[in-house]
Amino acid sequence: MRTRDLRAVPATVTAGTAALALLTACGTGSVPASATGASSGPPATTTAEPRAQLASRGAAAKDRRYVLGYTLAAPNKPLRSVLVTIAVDGTWRVDIQGGALGGAADVSIAGRPEGQYQCTLNTASVCVRIAAAGKKLPPAVDPRAQSPFTSWLDVLVDRQVPLSVALAPQLPGSSGTCFAVDSAVTAVQPPIDPGVFCYADDGTLTAAKLPWGTLTMAGQPSNPPPTVVLPGPVSNGAPLPTAPPPSASPSR
């Protein structure tokens, strides 16, 4: 797969602007106190049980506002980039290199009060509304890489959701405290994917190992924009599926 250099400019994005040049863009700029990065030191000592510790970090994560890049490593795929934007007004956007068509297309998943959108990231970017605000995305178009920064935070905070939580060893490249998380009950659609989540005390996700890949923080947070801007106009077209297109039938 050909590697692309993508760049997301959350405050003033134009249709011809690509996203995800995170390794050079996410470590620049001064960071206000409300968007400080994860500490590289040891986690604070606490006697709270793991579920309470995780809920506390999830609550802190919900209050964070930042632009922050991650790498996404998955079996049998090249290393990809993910750029997370949580705007001051709470709107969000996650740009995912290879997030559709089995890795062949770069997409952005964005959440605004009027709905959630999938946007292509190319010279003619367009967006398609794929779900109402706060609702689950259709599985066929859900790349899932946005979930640890958006909908799953509500699951981590809600102590009524039955989760099995235990402290876990540090993931490579992580800092803070790591938690092994799984659903405590059998469900057709579990509220969260099982995995290991590493959080700094301020709620910054520093790494997460999940069934579909491992996210690792790359660089430091930069200032969030006032609001998220879609990278292209909204279209009535069909969204791109996450699965690769079927192979062409061999000619006879």
C-alpha atoms as a PDB file:
ATOM      1  CA  MET A   1       0.000   0.000   0.000  1.00  0.00           C
ATOM      2  CA  ARG A   2       1.368   3.405  -0.930  1.00  0.00           C
ATOM      3  CA  THR A   3       2.105   5.586   2.105  1.00  0.00           C
ATOM      4  CA  ARG A   4       0.430   8.984   2.074  1.00  0.00           C
ATOM      5  CA  ASP A   5       1.470  12.114   3.945  1.00  0.00           C
ATOM      6  CA  LEU A   6      -1.757  13.557   5.235  1.00  0.00           C
ATOM      7  CA  ARG A   7      -2.448  16.700   7.264  1.00  0.00           C
ATOM      8  CA  ALA A   8      -5.612  17.671   9.134  1.00  0.00           C
ATOM      9  CA  VAL A   9      -6.171  21.383   9.819  1.00  0.00           C
ATOM     10  CA  PRO A  10      -9.178  21.241  12.154  1.00  0.00           C
ATOM     11  CA  ALA A  11      -9.889  24.985  12.381  1.00  0.00           C
ATOM     12  CA  THR A  12      -9.914  25.905   8.677  1.00  0.00           C
ATOM     13  CA  VAL A  13     -10.069  22.801   6.601  1.00  0.00           C
ATOM     14  CA  THR A  14     -10.612  23.058   2.852  1.00  0.00           C
ATOM     15  CA  ALA A  15     -11.801  20.304   0.567  1.00  0.00           C
ATOM     16  CA  GLY A  16      -8.403  20.021  -1.045  1.00  0.00           C
ATOM     17  CA  THR A  17      -6.502  19.620   2.239  1.00  0.00           C
ATOM     18  CA  ALA A  18      -5.415  16.120   3.242  1.00  0.00           C
ATOM     19  CA  ALA A  19      -4.997  15.043   6.850  1.00  0.00           C
ATOM     20  CA  LEU A  20      -2.730  13.164   9.170  1.00  0.00           C
ATOM     21  CA  ALA A  21       0.824  14.555   8.940  1.00  0.00           C
ATOM     22  CA  LEU A  22       0.782  13.980  12.653  1.00  0.00           C
ATOM     23  CA  LEU A  23       4.377  13.145  13.383  1.00  0.00           C
ATOM     24  CA  THR A  24       5.471  16.646  12.401  1.00  0.00           C
ATOM     25  CA  ALA A  25       2.318  18.644  13.148  1.00  0.00           C
ATOM     26  CA  CYS A  26       1.251  17.363  16.549  1.00  0.00           C
ATOM     27  CA  GLY A  27       4.324  18.199  18.521  1.00  0.00           C
ATOM     28  CA  THR A  28       4.336  21.942  17.799  1.00  0.00           C
ATOM     29  CA  GLY A  29       2.728  24.943  19.388  1.00  0.00           C
ATOM     30  CA  SER A  30       2.227  25.949  22.980  1.00  0.00           C
ATOM     31  CA  VAL A  31      -0.287  23.965  24.954  1.00  0.00           C
ATOM     32  CA  PRO A  32      -2.689  25.608  27.427  1.00  0.00           C
ATOM     33  CA  ALA A  33      -3.232  24.139  30.863  1.00  0.00           C
ATOM     34  CA  SER A  34      -6.501  22.546  29.733  1.00  0.00           C
ATOM     35  CA  ALA A  35      -4.732  20.617  26.955  1.00  0.00           C
ATOM     36  CA  THR A  36      -1.506  19.504  28.559  1.00  0.00           C
ATOM     37  CA  GLY A  37       0.043  16.232  27.484  1.00  0.00           C
ATOM     38  CA  ALA A  38       0.527  13.008  29.366  1.00  0.00           C
ATOM     39  CA  SER A  39       3.162  12.898  32.071  1.00  0.00           C
ATOM     40  CA  SER A  40       6.081  10.591  31.446  1.00  0.00           C
ATOM     41  CA  GLY A  41       6.499   9.974  35.171  1.00  0.00           C
ATOM     42  CA  PRO A  42       5.015   7.128  37.200  1.00  0.00           C
ATOM     43  CA  PRO A  43       1.264   7.165  37.896  1.00  0.00           C
ATOM     44  CA  ALA A  44       0.036   8.673  41.134  1.00  0.00           C
ATOM     45  CA  THR A  45      -0.220   6.213  43.987  1.00  0.00           C
ATOM     46  CA  THR A  46      -3.849   5.379  44.789  1.00  0.00           C
ATOM     47  CA  THR A  47      -5.717   2.807  46.786  1.00  0.00           C
ATOM     48  CA  ALA A  48      -8.862   3.000  44.633  1.00  0.00           C
ATOM     49  CA  GLU A  49      -9.867  -0.247  42.974  1.00  0.00           C
ATOM     50  CA  PRO A  50      -9.140  -0.475  39.206  1.00  0.00           C
ATOM     51  CA  ARG A  51     -12.726   0.183  38.086  1.00  0.00           C
ATOM     52  CA  ALA A  52     -12.802   3.421  40.064  1.00  0.00           C
ATOM     53  CA  GLN A  53      -9.380   4.465  38.762  1.00  0.00           C
ATOM     54  CA  LEU A  54     -10.493   3.841  35.187  1.00  0.00           C
ATOM     55  CA  ALA A  55     -13.750   5.755  35.689  1.00  0.00           C
ATOM     56  CA  SER A  56     -11.775   8.697  37.076  1.00  0.00           C
ATOM     57  CA  ARG A  57      -9.498   8.773  34.048  1.00  0.00           C
ATOM     58  CA  GLY A  58     -12.452   8.420  31.697  1.00  0.00           C
ATOM     59  CA  ALA A  59     -14.102  11.442  33.334  1.00  0.00           C
ATOM     60  CA  ALA A  60     -10.877  13.424  32.919  1.00  0.00           C
ATOM     61  CA  ALA A  61     -10.683  12.341  29.266  1.00  0.00           C
ATOM     62  CA  LYS A  62     -14.203  13.651  28.624  1.00  0.00           C
ATOM     63  CA  ASP A  63     -13.063  17.095  29.764  1.00  0.00           C
ATOM     64  CA  ARG A  64      -9.923  17.134  27.579  1.00  0.00           C
ATOM     65  CA  ARG A  65      -9.707  19.379  24.518  1.00  0.00           C
ATOM     66  CA  TYR A  66      -6.750  18.870  22.176  1.00  0.00           C
ATOM     67  CA  VAL A  67      -5.321  17.855  18.812  1.00  0.00           C
ATOM     68  CA  LEU A  68      -3.184  14.750  19.182  1.00  0.00           C
ATOM     69  CA  GLY A  69      -1.672  12.196  16.826  1.00  0.00           C
ATOM     70  CA  TYR A  70      -1.390   8.432  17.219  1.00  0.00           C
ATOM     71  CA  THR A  71       0.060   5.545  15.277  1.00  0.00           C
ATOM     72  CA  LEU A  72      -2.133   2.539  14.539  1.00  0.00           C
ATOM     73  CA  ALA A  73      -0.442  -0.847  14.215  1.00  0.00           C
ATOM     74  CA  ALA A  74      -2.453  -3.843  13.000  1.00  0.00           C
ATOM     75  CA  PRO A  75      -1.429  -7.340  11.892  1.00  0.00           C
ATOM     76  CA  ASN A  76      -0.502  -7.656   8.222  1.00  0.00           C
ATOM     77  CA  LYS A  77      -0.947  -3.916   7.604  1.00  0.00           C
ATOM     78  CA  PRO A  78       1.529  -1.057   7.375  1.00  0.00           C
ATOM     79  CA  LEU A  79       1.790   1.395  10.266  1.00  0.00           C
ATOM     80  CA  ARG A  80      -0.935   4.002   9.899  1.00  0.00           C
ATOM     81  CA  SER A  81      -1.662   7.428  11.370  1.00  0.00           C
ATOM     82  CA  VAL A  82      -4.659   8.631  13.361  1.00  0.00           C
ATOM     83  CA  LEU A  83      -5.219  12.299  14.175  1.00  0.00           C
ATOM     84  CA  VAL A  84      -7.681  13.104  16.962  1.00  0.00           C
ATOM     85  CA  THR A  85      -9.288  16.540  17.306  1.00  0.00           C
ATOM     86  CA  ILE A  86     -11.516  17.333  20.277  1.00  0.00           C
ATOM     87  CA  ALA A  87     -12.623  20.939  19.822  1.00  0.00           C
ATOM     88  CA  VAL A  88     -13.368  23.491  22.527  1.00  0.00           C
ATOM     89  CA  ASP A  89     -17.126  23.163  21.934  1.00  0.00           C
ATOM     90  CA  GLY A  90     -17.003  19.357  22.251  1.00  0.00           C
ATOM     91  CA  THR A  91     -17.308  18.565  18.545  1.00  0.00           C
ATOM     92  CA  TRP A  92     -14.772  16.014  17.398  1.00  0.00           C
ATOM     93  CA  ARG A  93     -13.036  14.585  14.373  1.00  0.00           C
ATOM     94  CA  VAL A  94     -10.766  11.564  13.963  1.00  0.00           C
ATOM     95  CA  ASP A  95      -8.796  11.265  10.716  1.00  0.00           C
ATOM     96  CA  ILE A  96      -7.830   7.660   9.983  1.00  0.00           C
ATOM     97  CA  GLN A  97      -5.260   6.710   7.398  1.00  0.00           C
ATOM     98  CA  GLY A  98      -6.552   3.616   5.601  1.00  0.00           C
ATOM     99  CA  GLY A  99      -9.826   3.724   7.521  1.00  0.00           C
ATOM    100  CA  ALA A 100     -12.005   2.454   4.660  1.00  0.00           C
ATOM    101  CA  LEU A 101     -11.959   0.021   1.735  1.00  0.00           C
ATOM    102  CA  GLY A 102      -9.690  -2.365   3.594  1.00  0.00           C
ATOM    103  CA  GLY A 103      -7.012   0.289   4.037  1.00  0.00           C
ATOM    104  CA  ALA A 104      -7.164   1.710   0.528  1.00  0.00           C
ATOM    105  CA  ALA A 105      -8.983   4.943   1.459  1.00  0.00           C
ATOM    106  CA  ASP A 106      -8.313   7.589   4.090  1.00  0.00           C
ATOM    107  CA  VAL A 107     -11.385   8.851   5.927  1.00  0.00           C
ATOM    108  CA  SER A 108     -12.414  11.162   8.701  1.00  0.00           C
ATOM    109  CA  ILE A 109     -15.172  10.378  11.198  1.00  0.00           C
ATOM    110  CA  ALA A 110     -16.614  13.563  12.686  1.00  0.00           C
ATOM    111  CA  GLY A 111     -19.219  14.287  15.319  1.00  0.00           C
ATOM    112  CA  ARG A 112     -21.265  17.488  15.370  1.00  0.00           C
ATOM    113  CA  PRO A 113     -24.631  18.376  16.961  1.00  0.00           C
ATOM    114  CA  GLU A 114     -26.427  17.716  13.667  1.00  0.00           C
ATOM    115  CA  GLY A 115     -24.984  14.229  13.254  1.00  0.00           C
ATOM    116  CA  GLN A 116     -21.946  12.062  12.647  1.00  0.00           C
ATOM    117  CA  TYR A 117     -20.194  12.063   9.295  1.00  0.00           C
ATOM    118  CA  GLN A 118     -17.767  10.029   7.248  1.00  0.00           C
ATOM    119  CA  CYS A 119     -15.608  12.208   5.013  1.00  0.00           C
ATOM    120  CA  THR A 120     -13.166  11.116   2.358  1.00  0.00           C
ATOM    121  CA  LEU A 121      -9.718  12.687   2.621  1.00  0.00           C
ATOM    122  CA  ASN A 122      -8.476  13.478  -0.853  1.00  0.00           C
ATOM    123  CA  THR A 123      -8.384  16.372  -3.310  1.00  0.00           C
ATOM    124  CA  ALA A 124     -12.183  16.208  -3.703  1.00  0.00           C
ATOM    125  CA  SER A 125     -13.261  15.469  -0.133  1.00  0.00           C
ATOM    126  CA  VAL A 126     -16.959  14.908   0.465  1.00  0.00           C
ATOM    127  CA  CYS A 127     -18.873  13.989   3.619  1.00  0.00           C
ATOM    128  CA  VAL A 128     -21.838  11.690   4.198  1.00  0.00           C
ATOM    129  CA  ARG A 129     -24.023  11.693   7.295  1.00  0.00           C
ATOM    130  CA  ILE A 130     -23.851   8.168   8.716  1.00  0.00           C
ATOM    131  CA  ALA A 131     -25.587   8.446  12.104  1.00  0.00           C
ATOM    132  CA  ALA A 132     -27.391  10.815  14.409  1.00  0.00           C
ATOM    133  CA  ALA A 133     -25.357  12.559  17.080  1.00  0.00           C
ATOM    134  CA  GLY A 134     -24.524  10.202  19.941  1.00  0.00           C
ATOM    135  CA  LYS A 135     -25.770   7.066  18.163  1.00  0.00           C
ATOM    136  CA  LYS A 136     -23.790   3.981  17.174  1.00  0.00           C
ATOM    137  CA  LEU A 137     -22.343   3.938  13.691  1.00  0.00           C
ATOM    138  CA  PRO A 138     -23.475   1.238  11.250  1.00  0.00           C
ATOM    139  CA  PRO A 139     -20.952  -1.621  11.621  1.00  0.00           C
ATOM    140  CA  ALA A 140     -20.213  -1.713   7.886  1.00  0.00           C
ATOM    141  CA  VAL A 141     -18.805   1.839   7.926  1.00  0.00           C
ATOM    142  CA  ASP A 142     -17.385   1.962  11.461  1.00  0.00           C
ATOM    143  CA  PRO A 143     -13.538   1.988  11.491  1.00  0.00           C
ATOM    144  CA  ARG A 144     -13.668   1.920  15.338  1.00  0.00           C
ATOM    145  CA  ALA A 145     -10.477   3.965  15.752  1.00  0.00           C
ATOM    146  CA  GLN A 146     -12.574   6.953  16.841  1.00  0.00           C
ATOM    147  CA  SER A 147     -14.378   5.060  19.617  1.00  0.00           C
ATOM    148  CA  PRO A 148     -11.686   5.203  22.369  1.00  0.00           C
ATOM    149  CA  PHE A 149     -11.846   9.014  22.172  1.00  0.00           C
ATOM    150  CA  THR A 150     -15.612   9.427  21.867  1.00  0.00           C
ATOM    151  CA  SER A 151     -18.430   6.981  22.685  1.00  0.00           C
ATOM    152  CA  TRP A 152     -16.377   4.574  24.835  1.00  0.00           C
ATOM    153  CA  LEU A 153     -15.610   7.303  27.360  1.00  0.00           C
ATOM    154  CA  ASP A 154     -19.257   7.260  28.451  1.00  0.00           C
ATOM    155  CA  VAL A 155     -18.945   3.502  29.011  1.00  0.00           C
ATOM    156  CA  LEU A 156     -15.815   3.881  31.134  1.00  0.00           C
ATOM    157  CA  VAL A 157     -17.386   6.588  33.291  1.00  0.00           C
ATOM    158  CA  ASP A 158     -20.728   4.847  33.859  1.00  0.00           C
ATOM    159  CA  ARG A 159     -20.242   2.569  36.878  1.00  0.00           C
ATOM    160  CA  GLN A 160     -23.574   0.862  36.052  1.00  0.00           C
ATOM    161  CA  VAL A 161     -22.065  -0.671  32.895  1.00  0.00           C
ATOM    162  CA  PRO A 162     -20.815  -4.161  33.845  1.00  0.00           C
ATOM    163  CA  LEU A 163     -17.114  -4.136  33.035  1.00  0.00           C
ATOM    164  CA  SER A 164     -14.296  -6.369  34.211  1.00  0.00           C
ATOM    165  CA  VAL A 165     -11.309  -4.112  34.964  1.00  0.00           C
ATOM    166  CA  ALA A 166      -7.834  -5.052  36.218  1.00  0.00           C
ATOM    167  CA  LEU A 167      -4.462  -3.322  36.275  1.00  0.00           C
ATOM    168  CA  ALA A 168      -2.257  -4.403  33.358  1.00  0.00           C
ATOM    169  CA  PRO A 169       1.449  -4.181  32.434  1.00  0.00           C
ATOM    170  CA  GLN A 170       2.542  -1.110  30.492  1.00  0.00           C
ATOM    171  CA  LEU A 171       2.105  -1.256  26.734  1.00  0.00           C
ATOM    172  CA  PRO A 172       5.205  -0.369  24.685  1.00  0.00           C
ATOM    173  CA  GLY A 173       5.432   3.391  24.272  1.00  0.00           C
ATOM    174  CA  SER A 174       2.766   4.087  26.889  1.00  0.00           C
ATOM    175  CA  SER A 175       2.831   6.080  30.122  1.00  0.00           C
ATOM    176  CA  GLY A 176       0.458   6.409  33.032  1.00  0.00           C
ATOM    177  CA  THR A 177      -1.634   3.444  34.227  1.00  0.00           C
ATOM    178  CA  CYS A 178      -2.797   0.566  32.034  1.00  0.00           C
ATOM    179  CA  PHE A 179      -6.072  -1.293  32.534  1.00  0.00           C
ATOM    180  CA  ALA A 180      -7.271  -4.585  31.067  1.00  0.00           C
ATOM    181  CA  VAL A 181     -10.950  -4.060  30.225  1.00  0.00           C
ATOM    182  CA  ASP A 182     -13.641  -6.482  29.116  1.00  0.00           C
ATOM    183  CA  SER A 183     -17.397  -6.778  29.324  1.00  0.00           C
ATOM    184  CA  ALA A 184     -18.480  -8.534  32.518  1.00  0.00           C
ATOM    185  CA  VAL A 185     -21.526 -10.055  30.831  1.00  0.00           C
ATOM    186  CA  THR A 186     -22.065 -11.884  27.567  1.00  0.00           C
ATOM    187  CA  ALA A 187     -23.647  -9.591  24.993  1.00  0.00           C
ATOM    188  CA  VAL A 188     -24.281  -9.707  21.257  1.00  0.00           C
ATOM    189  CA  GLN A 189     -22.966  -6.143  21.021  1.00  0.00           C
ATOM    190  CA  PRO A 190     -20.617  -5.467  23.957  1.00  0.00           C
ATOM    191  CA  PRO A 191     -20.522  -1.815  25.050  1.00  0.00           C
ATOM    192  CA  ILE A 192     -16.764  -1.658  24.453  1.00  0.00           C
ATOM    193  CA  ASP A 193     -14.159  -3.742  22.668  1.00  0.00           C
ATOM    194  CA  PRO A 194     -11.987  -5.795  25.043  1.00  0.00           C
ATOM    195  CA  GLY A 195      -8.434  -4.597  25.358  1.00  0.00           C
ATOM    196  CA  VAL A 196      -5.796  -2.757  27.350  1.00  0.00           C
ATOM    197  CA  PHE A 197      -6.141   1.004  27.815  1.00  0.00           C
ATOM    198  CA  CYS A 198      -3.318   3.177  29.177  1.00  0.00           C
ATOM    199  CA  TYR A 199      -4.201   6.597  30.587  1.00  0.00           C
ATOM    200  CA  ALA A 200      -2.220   9.418  32.085  1.00  0.00           C
ATOM    201  CA  ASP A 201      -3.686  10.910  35.266  1.00  0.00           C
ATOM    202  CA  ASP A 202      -5.056  13.868  33.263  1.00  0.00           C
ATOM    203  CA  GLY A 203      -7.135  11.556  31.042  1.00  0.00           C
ATOM    204  CA  THR A 204      -4.814  11.432  28.035  1.00  0.00           C
ATOM    205  CA  LEU A 205      -4.963   8.050  26.299  1.00  0.00           C
ATOM    206  CA  THR A 206      -1.309   7.138  25.795  1.00  0.00           C
ATOM    207  CA  ALA A 207      -1.880   3.688  24.245  1.00  0.00           C
ATOM    208  CA  ALA A 208      -4.594   1.111  23.658  1.00  0.00           C
ATOM    209  CA  LYS A 209      -4.305  -2.484  22.494  1.00  0.00           C
ATOM    210  CA  LEU A 210      -7.542  -3.659  20.877  1.00  0.00           C
ATOM    211  CA  PRO A 211      -8.684  -6.545  18.649  1.00  0.00           C
ATOM    212  CA  TRP A 212      -8.342  -4.415  15.520  1.00  0.00           C
ATOM    213  CA  GLY A 213      -4.992  -2.776  16.315  1.00  0.00           C
ATOM    214  CA  THR A 214      -2.804  -0.901  18.782  1.00  0.00           C
ATOM    215  CA  LEU A 215      -2.952   2.875  19.138  1.00  0.00           C
ATOM    216  CA  THR A 216       0.147   4.623  20.511  1.00  0.00           C
ATOM    217  CA  MET A 217       0.440   8.327  21.192  1.00  0.00           C
ATOM    218  CA  ALA A 218       2.842  10.121  18.842  1.00  0.00           C
ATOM    219  CA  GLY A 219       4.041  13.558  19.882  1.00  0.00           C
ATOM    220  CA  GLN A 220       2.315  15.908  22.295  1.00  0.00           C
ATOM    221  CA  PRO A 221      -1.101  17.616  22.235  1.00  0.00           C
ATOM    222  CA  SER A 222      -1.515  20.944  20.492  1.00  0.00           C
ATOM    223  CA  ASN A 223      -4.158  23.623  20.882  1.00  0.00           C
ATOM    224  CA  PRO A 224      -7.737  22.615  20.000  1.00  0.00           C
ATOM    225  CA  PRO A 225      -9.788  24.616  17.507  1.00  0.00           C
ATOM    226  CA  PRO A 226     -13.012  26.342  18.636  1.00  0.00           C
ATOM    227  CA  THR A 227     -15.073  23.844  16.638  1.00  0.00           C
ATOM    228  CA  VAL A 228     -14.590  20.994  14.182  1.00  0.00           C
ATOM    229  CA  VAL A 229     -14.996  21.826  10.505  1.00  0.00           C
ATOM    230  CA  LEU A 230     -15.842  19.106   7.998  1.00  0.00           C
ATOM    231  CA  PRO A 231     -13.170  18.708   5.295  1.00  0.00           C
ATOM    232  CA  GLY A 232     -15.708  18.819   2.466  1.00  0.00           C
ATOM    233  CA  PRO A 233     -19.331  19.475   1.568  1.00  0.00           C
ATOM    234  CA  VAL A 234     -22.091  17.118   2.731  1.00  0.00           C
ATOM    235  CA  SER A 235     -23.314  14.788  -0.014  1.00  0.00           C
ATOM    236  CA  ASN A 236     -26.265  12.423  -0.360  1.00  0.00           C
ATOM    237  CA  GLY A 237     -23.944   9.690  -1.624  1.00  0.00           C
ATOM    238  CA  ALA A 238     -23.142   6.375   0.041  1.00  0.00           C
ATOM    239  CA  PRO A 239     -20.355   6.126   2.634  1.00  0.00           C
ATOM    240  CA  LEU A 240     -17.318   3.972   2.009  1.00  0.00           C
ATOM    241  CA  PRO A 241     -17.371   0.574   3.754  1.00  0.00           C
ATOM    242  CA  THR A 242     -14.487  -0.487   5.955  1.00  0.00           C
ATOM    243  CA  ALA A 243     -14.172  -3.836   4.162  1.00  0.00           C
ATOM    244  CA  PRO A 244     -12.124  -4.045   0.953  1.00  0.00           C
ATOM    245  CA  PRO A 245     -14.079  -4.150  -2.288  1.00  0.00           C
ATOM    246  CA  PRO A 246     -14.598  -7.620  -3.771  1.00  0.00           C
ATOM    247  CA  SER A 247     -11.913  -8.858  -6.114  1.00  0.00           C
ATOM    248  CA  ALA A 248     -12.703  -8.583  -9.777  1.00  0.00           C
ATOM    249  CA  SER A 249     -13.716 -11.869 -11.368  1.00  0.00           C
ATOM    250  CA  PRO A 250     -10.963 -13.214 -13.617  1.00  0.00           C
ATOM    251  CA  SER A 251     -11.784 -12.872 -17.290  1.00  0.00           C
ATOM    252  CA  ARG A 252     -12.194 -16.001 -19.316  1.00  0.00           C
END
